[in-house]
Amino acid sequence: MKLRESGMPPEDYWETLMDVPGILDAFGFGSRTQDVAELGCGYGTFTVPLASRISGTVHAIDIDPEMVARTTARALAAGVLNVRVQKRDVLREGFGVPPGSYDAVLLFNILHGEEPVGLLRAAADALRRGGLIAVIHWRTDLDTPRGPSADIRPTPEQVLRWGVAAGGLDTQGPSFLLPPWHYGLKLVKL
């Protein structure tokens, strides 16, 4: 299921809206991180930088074939060999891996969809115990140059409630700002 208000701006503009290294640092992704799933990989903005930091594989997933093709091309051009890209509807098909397969799942700018609890539940199922769901989303307390309508943007408090509803998730510390336009939140699988 494609998410509501999920259109992407031109890639060069999109790249200016986030501090990718700062965001990856905030979540602690480094050489000790093994396998990571990135749901809604888009242009591969985070895929390639993440792949160069971790010792495992980035499993980049998107429902849009154009985004799958772009992320694949970007990984090939960068020469990273630890990226696997696939077209998949995770809400309908799950992640397609045995439970407990991932150390982390990235849910970046994606929880404004109609089924956020379903996405969180699928992510939790794919995570190992103690694994991390890394969430970023557009802030609701200021006007941003992109992002979904303010009325469907989740607050950190909503994401926490959805994590509880999904089952087996808890927060790892408070939400935090990711300047200039986002907040971050860490959920851990119990």
N, C-alpha and C. Protein backbone atom coordinates (compact mmCIF):
# COMPACT_ATOMS: atom_id res chain seq x y z
N MET A 1 0.85 -1.17 0.00
CA MET A 1 0.00 0.00 0.00
C MET A 1 0.89 1.24 0.00
N LYS A 2 0.73 2.08 -1.00
CA LYS A 2 1.47 3.34 -1.04
C LYS A 2 0.87 4.29 0.00
N LEU A 3 1.73 5.00 0.70
CA LEU A 3 1.27 5.88 1.77
C LEU A 3 0.67 7.16 1.22
N ARG A 4 -0.29 7.69 1.95
CA ARG A 4 -0.86 8.99 1.59
C ARG A 4 0.23 10.06 1.69
N GLU A 5 0.12 11.04 0.84
CA GLU A 5 1.04 12.18 0.83
C GLU A 5 2.50 11.74 0.89
N SER A 6 2.84 10.77 0.04
CA SER A 6 4.20 10.25 0.07
C SER A 6 5.01 10.62 -1.17
N GLY A 7 4.57 11.61 -1.92
CA GLY A 7 5.31 12.03 -3.10
C GLY A 7 6.68 12.59 -2.75
N MET A 8 7.63 12.35 -3.62
CA MET A 8 9.00 12.81 -3.38
C MET A 8 9.29 14.03 -4.25
N PRO A 9 9.98 15.04 -3.69
CA PRO A 9 10.43 16.17 -4.50
C PRO A 9 11.64 15.75 -5.33
N PRO A 10 12.15 16.62 -6.17
CA PRO A 10 13.38 16.28 -6.90
C PRO A 10 14.49 15.86 -5.93
N GLU A 11 15.27 14.90 -6.36
CA GLU A 11 16.29 14.30 -5.49
C GLU A 11 17.29 15.31 -4.95
N ASP A 12 17.77 16.21 -5.79
CA ASP A 12 18.78 17.16 -5.31
C ASP A 12 18.22 18.07 -4.22
N TYR A 13 16.95 18.42 -4.32
CA TYR A 13 16.32 19.22 -3.26
C TYR A 13 16.12 18.39 -2.00
N TRP A 14 15.63 17.17 -2.16
CA TRP A 14 15.40 16.27 -1.03
C TRP A 14 16.66 16.11 -0.18
N GLU A 15 17.79 15.99 -0.85
CA GLU A 15 19.06 15.77 -0.16
C GLU A 15 19.45 16.95 0.75
N THR A 16 18.91 18.13 0.50
CA THR A 16 19.26 19.31 1.31
C THR A 16 18.44 19.40 2.60
N LEU A 17 17.42 18.59 2.74
CA LEU A 17 16.48 18.73 3.84
C LEU A 17 16.86 17.97 5.11
N MET A 18 17.91 17.15 5.04
CA MET A 18 18.28 16.33 6.19
C MET A 18 19.79 16.28 6.34
N ASP A 19 20.23 16.24 7.57
CA ASP A 19 21.65 16.04 7.89
C ASP A 19 21.85 14.53 8.06
N VAL A 20 22.13 13.85 6.95
CA VAL A 20 22.20 12.39 6.97
C VAL A 20 23.26 11.88 7.95
N PRO A 21 24.51 12.36 7.91
CA PRO A 21 25.48 11.85 8.89
C PRO A 21 25.05 12.12 10.33
N GLY A 22 24.50 13.29 10.59
CA GLY A 22 24.05 13.62 11.94
C GLY A 22 22.93 12.71 12.41
N ILE A 23 22.01 12.39 11.52
CA ILE A 23 20.90 11.49 11.88
C ILE A 23 21.42 10.09 12.17
N LEU A 24 22.30 9.59 11.30
CA LEU A 24 22.86 8.25 11.54
C LEU A 24 23.68 8.21 12.83
N ASP A 25 24.41 9.29 13.12
CA ASP A 25 25.15 9.39 14.39
C ASP A 25 24.20 9.35 15.58
N ALA A 26 23.09 10.08 15.49
CA ALA A 26 22.14 10.17 16.60
C ALA A 26 21.58 8.81 16.98
N PHE A 27 21.48 7.91 16.01
CA PHE A 27 20.97 6.57 16.29
C PHE A 27 22.08 5.57 16.61
N GLY A 28 23.33 6.01 16.53
CA GLY A 28 24.45 5.16 16.92
C GLY A 28 24.82 4.09 15.92
N PHE A 29 24.50 4.28 14.64
CA PHE A 29 24.85 3.27 13.64
C PHE A 29 26.34 3.31 13.36
N GLY A 30 26.98 2.15 13.51
CA GLY A 30 28.42 2.04 13.29
C GLY A 30 28.80 0.62 12.97
N SER A 31 30.08 0.33 13.08
CA SER A 31 30.61 -0.97 12.65
C SER A 31 30.08 -2.15 13.48
N ARG A 32 29.57 -1.89 14.66
CA ARG A 32 29.01 -2.98 15.47
C ARG A 32 27.59 -3.35 15.04
N THR A 33 26.99 -2.54 14.18
CA THR A 33 25.64 -2.81 13.69
C THR A 33 25.73 -3.84 12.57
N GLN A 34 24.88 -4.85 12.65
CA GLN A 34 24.84 -5.88 11.61
C GLN A 34 23.75 -5.54 10.59
N ASP A 35 22.76 -6.39 10.46
CA ASP A 35 21.75 -6.23 9.41
C ASP A 35 20.68 -5.22 9.79
N VAL A 36 20.37 -4.35 8.83
CA VAL A 36 19.41 -3.27 9.02
C VAL A 36 18.42 -3.28 7.86
N ALA A 37 17.15 -3.09 8.16
CA ALA A 37 16.12 -2.91 7.12
C ALA A 37 15.75 -1.44 7.09
N GLU A 38 15.66 -0.90 5.89
CA GLU A 38 15.24 0.49 5.70
C GLU A 38 13.93 0.46 4.92
N LEU A 39 12.85 0.79 5.57
CA LEU A 39 11.54 0.74 4.92
C LEU A 39 11.22 2.10 4.32
N GLY A 40 10.91 2.11 3.02
CA GLY A 40 10.66 3.35 2.31
C GLY A 40 11.97 4.04 1.98
N CYS A 41 12.85 3.33 1.29
CA CYS A 41 14.21 3.83 1.05
C CYS A 41 14.26 5.03 0.11
N GLY A 42 13.21 5.26 -0.66
CA GLY A 42 13.19 6.42 -1.54
C GLY A 42 14.38 6.45 -2.48
N TYR A 43 15.07 7.58 -2.54
CA TYR A 43 16.22 7.75 -3.43
C TYR A 43 17.48 7.04 -2.93
N GLY A 44 17.43 6.44 -1.77
CA GLY A 44 18.64 5.85 -1.19
C GLY A 44 19.46 6.86 -0.41
N THR A 45 18.81 7.94 0.01
CA THR A 45 19.48 9.02 0.74
C THR A 45 20.24 8.50 1.95
N PHE A 46 19.64 7.57 2.69
CA PHE A 46 20.28 7.01 3.87
C PHE A 46 20.94 5.66 3.58
N THR A 47 20.52 4.98 2.53
CA THR A 47 20.96 3.61 2.25
C THR A 47 22.47 3.50 2.11
N VAL A 48 23.04 4.26 1.20
CA VAL A 48 24.47 4.16 0.92
C VAL A 48 25.31 4.64 2.10
N PRO A 49 25.01 5.81 2.69
CA PRO A 49 25.79 6.21 3.87
C PRO A 49 25.70 5.20 5.02
N LEU A 50 24.53 4.62 5.22
CA LEU A 50 24.37 3.61 6.27
C LEU A 50 25.19 2.37 5.95
N ALA A 51 25.14 1.92 4.70
CA ALA A 51 25.88 0.73 4.30
C ALA A 51 27.38 0.89 4.51
N SER A 52 27.88 2.13 4.34
CA SER A 52 29.32 2.33 4.55
C SER A 52 29.72 2.35 6.02
N ARG A 53 28.75 2.42 6.92
CA ARG A 53 29.04 2.46 8.36
C ARG A 53 28.93 1.11 9.05
N ILE A 54 28.07 0.25 8.55
CA ILE A 54 27.76 -0.98 9.29
C ILE A 54 28.56 -2.17 8.76
N SER A 55 28.64 -3.22 9.56
CA SER A 55 29.38 -4.41 9.13
C SER A 55 28.49 -5.45 8.46
N GLY A 56 27.18 -5.28 8.55
CA GLY A 56 26.24 -6.21 7.93
C GLY A 56 25.69 -5.66 6.63
N THR A 57 24.44 -5.98 6.36
CA THR A 57 23.79 -5.62 5.11
C THR A 57 22.62 -4.68 5.37
N VAL A 58 22.45 -3.70 4.48
CA VAL A 58 21.27 -2.85 4.49
C VAL A 58 20.27 -3.45 3.52
N HIS A 59 19.10 -3.78 4.02
CA HIS A 59 18.01 -4.30 3.20
C HIS A 59 17.06 -3.14 2.95
N ALA A 60 17.21 -2.50 1.79
CA ALA A 60 16.42 -1.31 1.45
C ALA A 60 15.15 -1.76 0.74
N ILE A 61 14.02 -1.28 1.23
CA ILE A 61 12.71 -1.73 0.75
C ILE A 61 11.88 -0.52 0.38
N ASP A 62 11.22 -0.60 -0.77
CA ASP A 62 10.28 0.45 -1.17
C ASP A 62 9.19 -0.19 -2.01
N ILE A 63 8.02 0.41 -2.00
CA ILE A 63 6.90 -0.10 -2.78
C ILE A 63 6.91 0.45 -4.21
N ASP A 64 7.66 1.52 -4.42
CA ASP A 64 7.70 2.22 -5.71
C ASP A 64 8.87 1.69 -6.55
N PRO A 65 8.59 1.10 -7.72
CA PRO A 65 9.66 0.55 -8.54
C PRO A 65 10.70 1.59 -8.97
N GLU A 66 10.29 2.83 -9.15
CA GLU A 66 11.25 3.88 -9.51
C GLU A 66 12.24 4.13 -8.37
N MET A 67 11.76 4.10 -7.14
CA MET A 67 12.65 4.30 -6.00
C MET A 67 13.58 3.10 -5.82
N VAL A 68 13.08 1.91 -6.06
CA VAL A 68 13.92 0.71 -6.00
C VAL A 68 15.03 0.81 -7.04
N ALA A 69 14.69 1.22 -8.25
CA ALA A 69 15.70 1.37 -9.31
C ALA A 69 16.71 2.45 -8.96
N ARG A 70 16.25 3.57 -8.41
CA ARG A 70 17.18 4.66 -8.08
C ARG A 70 18.13 4.25 -6.96
N THR A 71 17.61 3.61 -5.92
CA THR A 71 18.47 3.18 -4.82
C THR A 71 19.47 2.13 -5.29
N THR A 72 19.04 1.21 -6.13
CA THR A 72 19.94 0.20 -6.69
C THR A 72 21.06 0.87 -7.47
N ALA A 73 20.71 1.82 -8.33
CA ALA A 73 21.71 2.52 -9.13
C ALA A 73 22.68 3.30 -8.24
N ARG A 74 22.16 3.92 -7.22
CA ARG A 74 23.00 4.71 -6.31
C ARG A 74 23.99 3.81 -5.57
N ALA A 75 23.54 2.66 -5.11
CA ALA A 75 24.44 1.73 -4.42
C ALA A 75 25.51 1.21 -5.36
N LEU A 76 25.13 0.88 -6.58
CA LEU A 76 26.10 0.40 -7.57
C LEU A 76 27.13 1.48 -7.89
N ALA A 77 26.66 2.70 -8.09
CA ALA A 77 27.56 3.81 -8.41
C ALA A 77 28.55 4.08 -7.28
N ALA A 78 28.11 3.88 -6.04
CA ALA A 78 28.98 4.10 -4.88
C ALA A 78 29.90 2.91 -4.62
N GLY A 79 29.62 1.80 -5.27
CA GLY A 79 30.46 0.61 -5.09
C GLY A 79 30.25 -0.10 -3.77
N VAL A 80 29.11 0.14 -3.12
CA VAL A 80 28.85 -0.58 -1.87
C VAL A 80 28.22 -1.93 -2.21
N LEU A 81 28.74 -2.96 -1.59
CA LEU A 81 28.31 -4.32 -1.91
C LEU A 81 27.37 -4.90 -0.87
N ASN A 82 27.15 -4.18 0.22
CA ASN A 82 26.32 -4.71 1.30
C ASN A 82 24.93 -4.06 1.32
N VAL A 83 24.37 -3.86 0.14
CA VAL A 83 23.01 -3.32 0.01
C VAL A 83 22.19 -4.30 -0.82
N ARG A 84 21.01 -4.63 -0.33
CA ARG A 84 20.04 -5.43 -1.08
C ARG A 84 18.77 -4.59 -1.18
N VAL A 85 18.31 -4.36 -2.39
CA VAL A 85 17.14 -3.50 -2.60
C VAL A 85 16.01 -4.36 -3.15
N GLN A 86 14.81 -4.15 -2.62
CA GLN A 86 13.67 -4.92 -3.13
C GLN A 86 12.39 -4.09 -3.11
N LYS A 87 11.52 -4.41 -4.06
CA LYS A 87 10.17 -3.83 -4.09
C LYS A 87 9.31 -4.75 -3.25
N ARG A 88 8.64 -4.16 -2.25
CA ARG A 88 7.83 -4.99 -1.36
C ARG A 88 6.79 -4.12 -0.66
N ASP A 89 5.62 -4.67 -0.48
CA ASP A 89 4.56 -4.04 0.31
C ASP A 89 4.59 -4.70 1.68
N VAL A 90 5.30 -4.09 2.60
CA VAL A 90 5.51 -4.69 3.92
C VAL A 90 4.21 -4.84 4.69
N LEU A 91 3.27 -3.92 4.50
CA LEU A 91 1.99 -4.06 5.20
C LEU A 91 1.24 -5.30 4.76
N ARG A 92 1.37 -5.67 3.51
CA ARG A 92 0.64 -6.84 2.99
C ARG A 92 1.46 -8.12 3.06
N GLU A 93 2.80 -8.00 2.91
CA GLU A 93 3.65 -9.18 2.77
C GLU A 93 4.65 -9.37 3.91
N GLY A 94 4.71 -8.43 4.84
CA GLY A 94 5.75 -8.48 5.86
C GLY A 94 7.11 -8.18 5.25
N PHE A 95 8.15 -8.36 6.03
CA PHE A 95 9.50 -8.08 5.55
C PHE A 95 10.08 -9.24 4.75
N GLY A 96 9.44 -10.40 4.79
CA GLY A 96 9.92 -11.54 4.01
C GLY A 96 11.16 -12.20 4.59
N VAL A 97 11.35 -12.05 5.89
CA VAL A 97 12.50 -12.66 6.57
C VAL A 97 11.99 -13.37 7.82
N PRO A 98 12.77 -14.32 8.34
CA PRO A 98 12.36 -14.95 9.60
C PRO A 98 12.33 -13.93 10.73
N PRO A 99 11.48 -14.14 11.73
CA PRO A 99 11.47 -13.24 12.88
C PRO A 99 12.87 -13.13 13.49
N GLY A 100 13.19 -11.93 13.96
CA GLY A 100 14.47 -11.72 14.61
C GLY A 100 15.65 -11.56 13.67
N SER A 101 15.40 -11.22 12.42
CA SER A 101 16.48 -11.15 11.43
C SER A 101 17.32 -9.88 11.48
N TYR A 102 16.76 -8.78 11.97
CA TYR A 102 17.46 -7.50 11.87
C TYR A 102 17.88 -6.97 13.23
N ASP A 103 19.00 -6.24 13.22
CA ASP A 103 19.44 -5.48 14.39
C ASP A 103 18.67 -4.19 14.52
N ALA A 104 18.27 -3.63 13.38
CA ALA A 104 17.56 -2.35 13.39
C ALA A 104 16.66 -2.25 12.17
N VAL A 105 15.61 -1.46 12.31
CA VAL A 105 14.71 -1.11 11.20
C VAL A 105 14.57 0.40 11.20
N LEU A 106 14.77 1.00 10.03
CA LEU A 106 14.59 2.44 9.86
C LEU A 106 13.19 2.72 9.36
N LEU A 107 12.45 3.55 10.08
CA LEU A 107 11.14 4.04 9.67
C LEU A 107 11.27 5.56 9.60
N PHE A 108 11.81 6.05 8.50
CA PHE A 108 12.11 7.47 8.35
C PHE A 108 11.04 8.13 7.49
N ASN A 109 10.33 9.08 8.07
CA ASN A 109 9.30 9.86 7.37
C ASN A 109 8.23 8.97 6.77
N ILE A 110 7.80 7.95 7.51
CA ILE A 110 6.87 6.99 6.94
C ILE A 110 5.65 6.70 7.83
N LEU A 111 5.67 7.11 9.08
CA LEU A 111 4.59 6.74 10.00
C LEU A 111 3.36 7.64 9.90
N HIS A 112 3.27 8.46 8.87
CA HIS A 112 2.05 9.26 8.65
C HIS A 112 1.03 8.48 7.83
N GLY A 113 1.35 7.26 7.44
CA GLY A 113 0.44 6.43 6.67
C GLY A 113 -0.78 6.02 7.47
N GLU A 114 -1.68 5.34 6.79
CA GLU A 114 -2.94 4.96 7.41
C GLU A 114 -2.81 3.83 8.42
N GLU A 115 -1.70 3.07 8.38
CA GLU A 115 -1.55 1.92 9.26
C GLU A 115 -0.21 1.93 10.01
N PRO A 116 0.03 2.96 10.82
CA PRO A 116 1.33 3.03 11.51
C PRO A 116 1.55 1.88 12.49
N VAL A 117 0.50 1.43 13.15
CA VAL A 117 0.67 0.31 14.09
C VAL A 117 1.06 -0.95 13.33
N GLY A 118 0.47 -1.16 12.16
CA GLY A 118 0.84 -2.31 11.33
C GLY A 118 2.29 -2.27 10.90
N LEU A 119 2.77 -1.08 10.52
CA LEU A 119 4.19 -0.95 10.16
C LEU A 119 5.09 -1.25 11.35
N LEU A 120 4.74 -0.70 12.50
CA LEU A 120 5.54 -0.95 13.70
C LEU A 120 5.50 -2.42 14.10
N ARG A 121 4.36 -3.05 13.96
CA ARG A 121 4.24 -4.48 14.30
C ARG A 121 5.11 -5.32 13.36
N ALA A 122 5.06 -5.01 12.06
CA ALA A 122 5.89 -5.75 11.09
C ALA A 122 7.37 -5.54 11.39
N ALA A 123 7.74 -4.30 11.73
CA ALA A 123 9.14 -4.01 12.06
C ALA A 123 9.56 -4.77 13.32
N ALA A 124 8.71 -4.77 14.34
CA ALA A 124 9.03 -5.47 15.58
C ALA A 124 9.20 -6.97 15.33
N ASP A 125 8.35 -7.54 14.48
CA ASP A 125 8.46 -8.97 14.18
C ASP A 125 9.79 -9.30 13.52
N ALA A 126 10.29 -8.40 12.68
CA ALA A 126 11.53 -8.65 11.95
C ALA A 126 12.78 -8.40 12.79
N LEU A 127 12.62 -7.73 13.94
CA LEU A 127 13.75 -7.37 14.81
C LEU A 127 14.13 -8.50 15.76
N ARG A 128 15.41 -8.57 16.06
CA ARG A 128 15.87 -9.44 17.15
C ARG A 128 15.51 -8.78 18.48
N ARG A 129 15.51 -9.54 19.55
CA ARG A 129 15.27 -8.98 20.89
C ARG A 129 16.37 -7.96 21.19
N GLY A 130 15.98 -6.79 21.67
CA GLY A 130 16.93 -5.70 21.92
C GLY A 130 17.22 -4.85 20.70
N GLY A 131 16.63 -5.23 19.55
CA GLY A 131 16.84 -4.48 18.31
C GLY A 131 16.15 -3.13 18.35
N LEU A 132 16.59 -2.26 17.46
CA LEU A 132 16.17 -0.86 17.44
C LEU A 132 15.26 -0.55 16.26
N ILE A 133 14.17 0.15 16.53
CA ILE A 133 13.40 0.80 15.47
C ILE A 133 13.76 2.27 15.56
N ALA A 134 14.40 2.76 14.51
CA ALA A 134 14.81 4.17 14.44
C ALA A 134 13.74 4.93 13.67
N VAL A 135 13.14 5.91 14.33
CA VAL A 135 12.06 6.70 13.73
C VAL A 135 12.53 8.14 13.58
N ILE A 136 12.34 8.70 12.38
CA ILE A 136 12.40 10.15 12.24
C ILE A 136 11.12 10.57 11.54
N HIS A 137 10.70 11.79 11.85
CA HIS A 137 9.57 12.36 11.14
C HIS A 137 9.65 13.87 11.19
N TRP A 138 8.89 14.47 10.28
CA TRP A 138 8.81 15.93 10.21
C TRP A 138 8.17 16.45 11.49
N ARG A 139 8.73 17.51 12.01
CA ARG A 139 8.20 18.10 13.24
C ARG A 139 6.82 18.70 13.00
N THR A 140 6.04 18.73 14.07
CA THR A 140 4.69 19.29 14.00
C THR A 140 4.63 20.69 14.59
N ASP A 141 5.71 21.12 15.22
CA ASP A 141 5.69 22.41 15.93
C ASP A 141 6.23 23.57 15.09
N LEU A 142 6.51 23.33 13.82
CA LEU A 142 6.98 24.41 12.95
C LEU A 142 6.61 24.12 11.51
N ASP A 143 6.62 25.17 10.71
CA ASP A 143 6.37 25.01 9.27
C ASP A 143 7.63 24.45 8.63
N THR A 144 7.48 23.41 7.83
CA THR A 144 8.62 22.79 7.17
C THR A 144 8.46 22.92 5.66
N PRO A 145 9.57 22.87 4.92
CA PRO A 145 9.49 23.05 3.48
C PRO A 145 8.90 21.85 2.74
N ARG A 146 8.82 20.70 3.37
CA ARG A 146 8.26 19.48 2.77
C ARG A 146 7.52 18.71 3.85
N GLY A 147 7.15 17.51 3.50
CA GLY A 147 6.49 16.63 4.46
C GLY A 147 4.99 16.62 4.27
N PRO A 148 4.34 15.64 4.89
CA PRO A 148 2.89 15.55 4.79
C PRO A 148 2.21 16.69 5.54
N SER A 149 0.93 16.82 5.32
CA SER A 149 0.14 17.84 6.03
C SER A 149 0.35 17.70 7.53
N ALA A 150 0.37 18.83 8.21
CA ALA A 150 0.61 18.84 9.65
C ALA A 150 -0.39 17.97 10.40
N ASP A 151 -1.62 17.88 9.92
CA ASP A 151 -2.64 17.14 10.65
C ASP A 151 -2.45 15.62 10.60
N ILE A 152 -1.59 15.12 9.72
CA ILE A 152 -1.33 13.67 9.71
C ILE A 152 0.09 13.32 10.14
N ARG A 153 0.87 14.32 10.50
CA ARG A 153 2.22 14.05 11.00
C ARG A 153 2.12 13.52 12.43
N PRO A 154 2.78 12.42 12.72
CA PRO A 154 2.70 11.91 14.09
C PRO A 154 3.63 12.68 15.03
N THR A 155 3.17 12.86 16.24
CA THR A 155 4.02 13.42 17.28
C THR A 155 4.82 12.27 17.91
N PRO A 156 5.90 12.58 18.61
CA PRO A 156 6.62 11.51 19.31
C PRO A 156 5.72 10.74 20.27
N GLU A 157 4.81 11.43 20.93
CA GLU A 157 3.90 10.76 21.87
C GLU A 157 2.98 9.77 21.14
N GLN A 158 2.51 10.14 19.95
CA GLN A 158 1.69 9.21 19.17
C GLN A 158 2.49 7.98 18.78
N VAL A 159 3.72 8.19 18.33
CA VAL A 159 4.56 7.06 17.94
C VAL A 159 4.77 6.12 19.12
N LEU A 160 4.99 6.67 20.30
CA LEU A 160 5.14 5.82 21.49
C LEU A 160 3.88 5.01 21.76
N ARG A 161 2.73 5.63 21.66
CA ARG A 161 1.46 4.90 21.86
C ARG A 161 1.30 3.80 20.82
N TRP A 162 1.64 4.11 19.58
CA TRP A 162 1.56 3.10 18.51
C TRP A 162 2.52 1.95 18.77
N GLY A 163 3.71 2.27 19.29
CA GLY A 163 4.67 1.22 19.61
C GLY A 163 4.14 0.27 20.67
N VAL A 164 3.48 0.82 21.68
CA VAL A 164 2.85 0.00 22.72
C VAL A 164 1.74 -0.85 22.10
N ALA A 165 0.93 -0.23 21.24
CA ALA A 165 -0.18 -0.96 20.60
C ALA A 165 0.35 -2.07 19.68
N ALA A 166 1.49 -1.85 19.06
CA ALA A 166 2.07 -2.87 18.17
C ALA A 166 2.53 -4.08 18.97
N GLY A 167 2.89 -3.86 20.22
CA GLY A 167 3.30 -4.95 21.10
C GLY A 167 4.80 -5.18 21.11
N GLY A 168 5.33 -5.36 22.31
CA GLY A 168 6.72 -5.74 22.46
C GLY A 168 7.74 -4.65 22.21
N LEU A 169 7.30 -3.38 22.22
CA LEU A 169 8.22 -2.27 21.99
C LEU A 169 8.18 -1.31 23.17
N ASP A 170 9.31 -0.70 23.43
CA ASP A 170 9.40 0.33 24.45
C ASP A 170 10.33 1.42 23.94
N THR A 171 10.25 2.58 24.54
CA THR A 171 11.11 3.68 24.13
C THR A 171 12.50 3.52 24.75
N GLN A 172 13.48 4.02 24.04
CA GLN A 172 14.84 4.05 24.55
C GLN A 172 15.23 5.52 24.67
N GLY A 173 14.84 6.12 25.76
CA GLY A 173 15.11 7.54 25.97
C GLY A 173 14.04 8.41 25.34
N PRO A 174 14.11 9.72 25.61
CA PRO A 174 13.11 10.65 25.07
C PRO A 174 13.35 10.92 23.58
N SER A 175 12.36 11.52 22.95
CA SER A 175 12.55 11.95 21.57
C SER A 175 13.61 13.05 21.56
N PHE A 176 14.18 13.29 20.39
CA PHE A 176 15.25 14.29 20.28
C PHE A 176 15.11 15.02 18.95
N LEU A 177 15.59 16.24 18.91
CA LEU A 177 15.51 17.05 17.69
C LEU A 177 16.63 16.66 16.74
N LEU A 178 16.29 16.66 15.46
CA LEU A 178 17.24 16.43 14.38
C LEU A 178 17.13 17.62 13.44
N PRO A 179 17.83 18.70 13.76
CA PRO A 179 17.69 19.95 13.00
C PRO A 179 18.00 19.75 11.51
N PRO A 180 17.34 20.51 10.66
CA PRO A 180 16.45 21.60 11.06
C PRO A 180 14.97 21.22 11.14
N TRP A 181 14.54 20.11 10.55
CA TRP A 181 13.10 19.89 10.35
C TRP A 181 12.52 18.64 11.02
N HIS A 182 13.32 17.81 11.64
CA HIS A 182 12.86 16.50 12.09
C HIS A 182 13.04 16.29 13.59
N TYR A 183 12.38 15.26 14.08
CA TYR A 183 12.66 14.72 15.40
C TYR A 183 13.00 13.25 15.23
N GLY A 184 13.66 12.69 16.23
CA GLY A 184 13.99 11.28 16.22
C GLY A 184 13.47 10.60 17.46
N LEU A 185 13.29 9.30 17.37
CA LEU A 185 12.80 8.51 18.48
C LEU A 185 13.34 7.09 18.33
N LYS A 186 13.78 6.51 19.43
CA LYS A 186 14.28 5.14 19.43
C LYS A 186 13.29 4.24 20.15
N LEU A 187 12.86 3.19 19.47
CA LEU A 187 12.04 2.15 20.08
C LEU A 187 12.86 0.87 20.10
N VAL A 188 12.77 0.14 21.18
CA VAL A 188 13.54 -1.10 21.31
C VAL A 188 12.58 -2.27 21.49
N LYS A 189 12.96 -3.40 20.89
CA LYS A 189 12.13 -4.61 21.04
C LYS A 189 12.48 -5.29 22.35
N LEU A 190 11.46 -5.53 23.14
CA LEU A 190 11.65 -6.18 24.45
C LEU A 190 11.87 -7.68 24.29
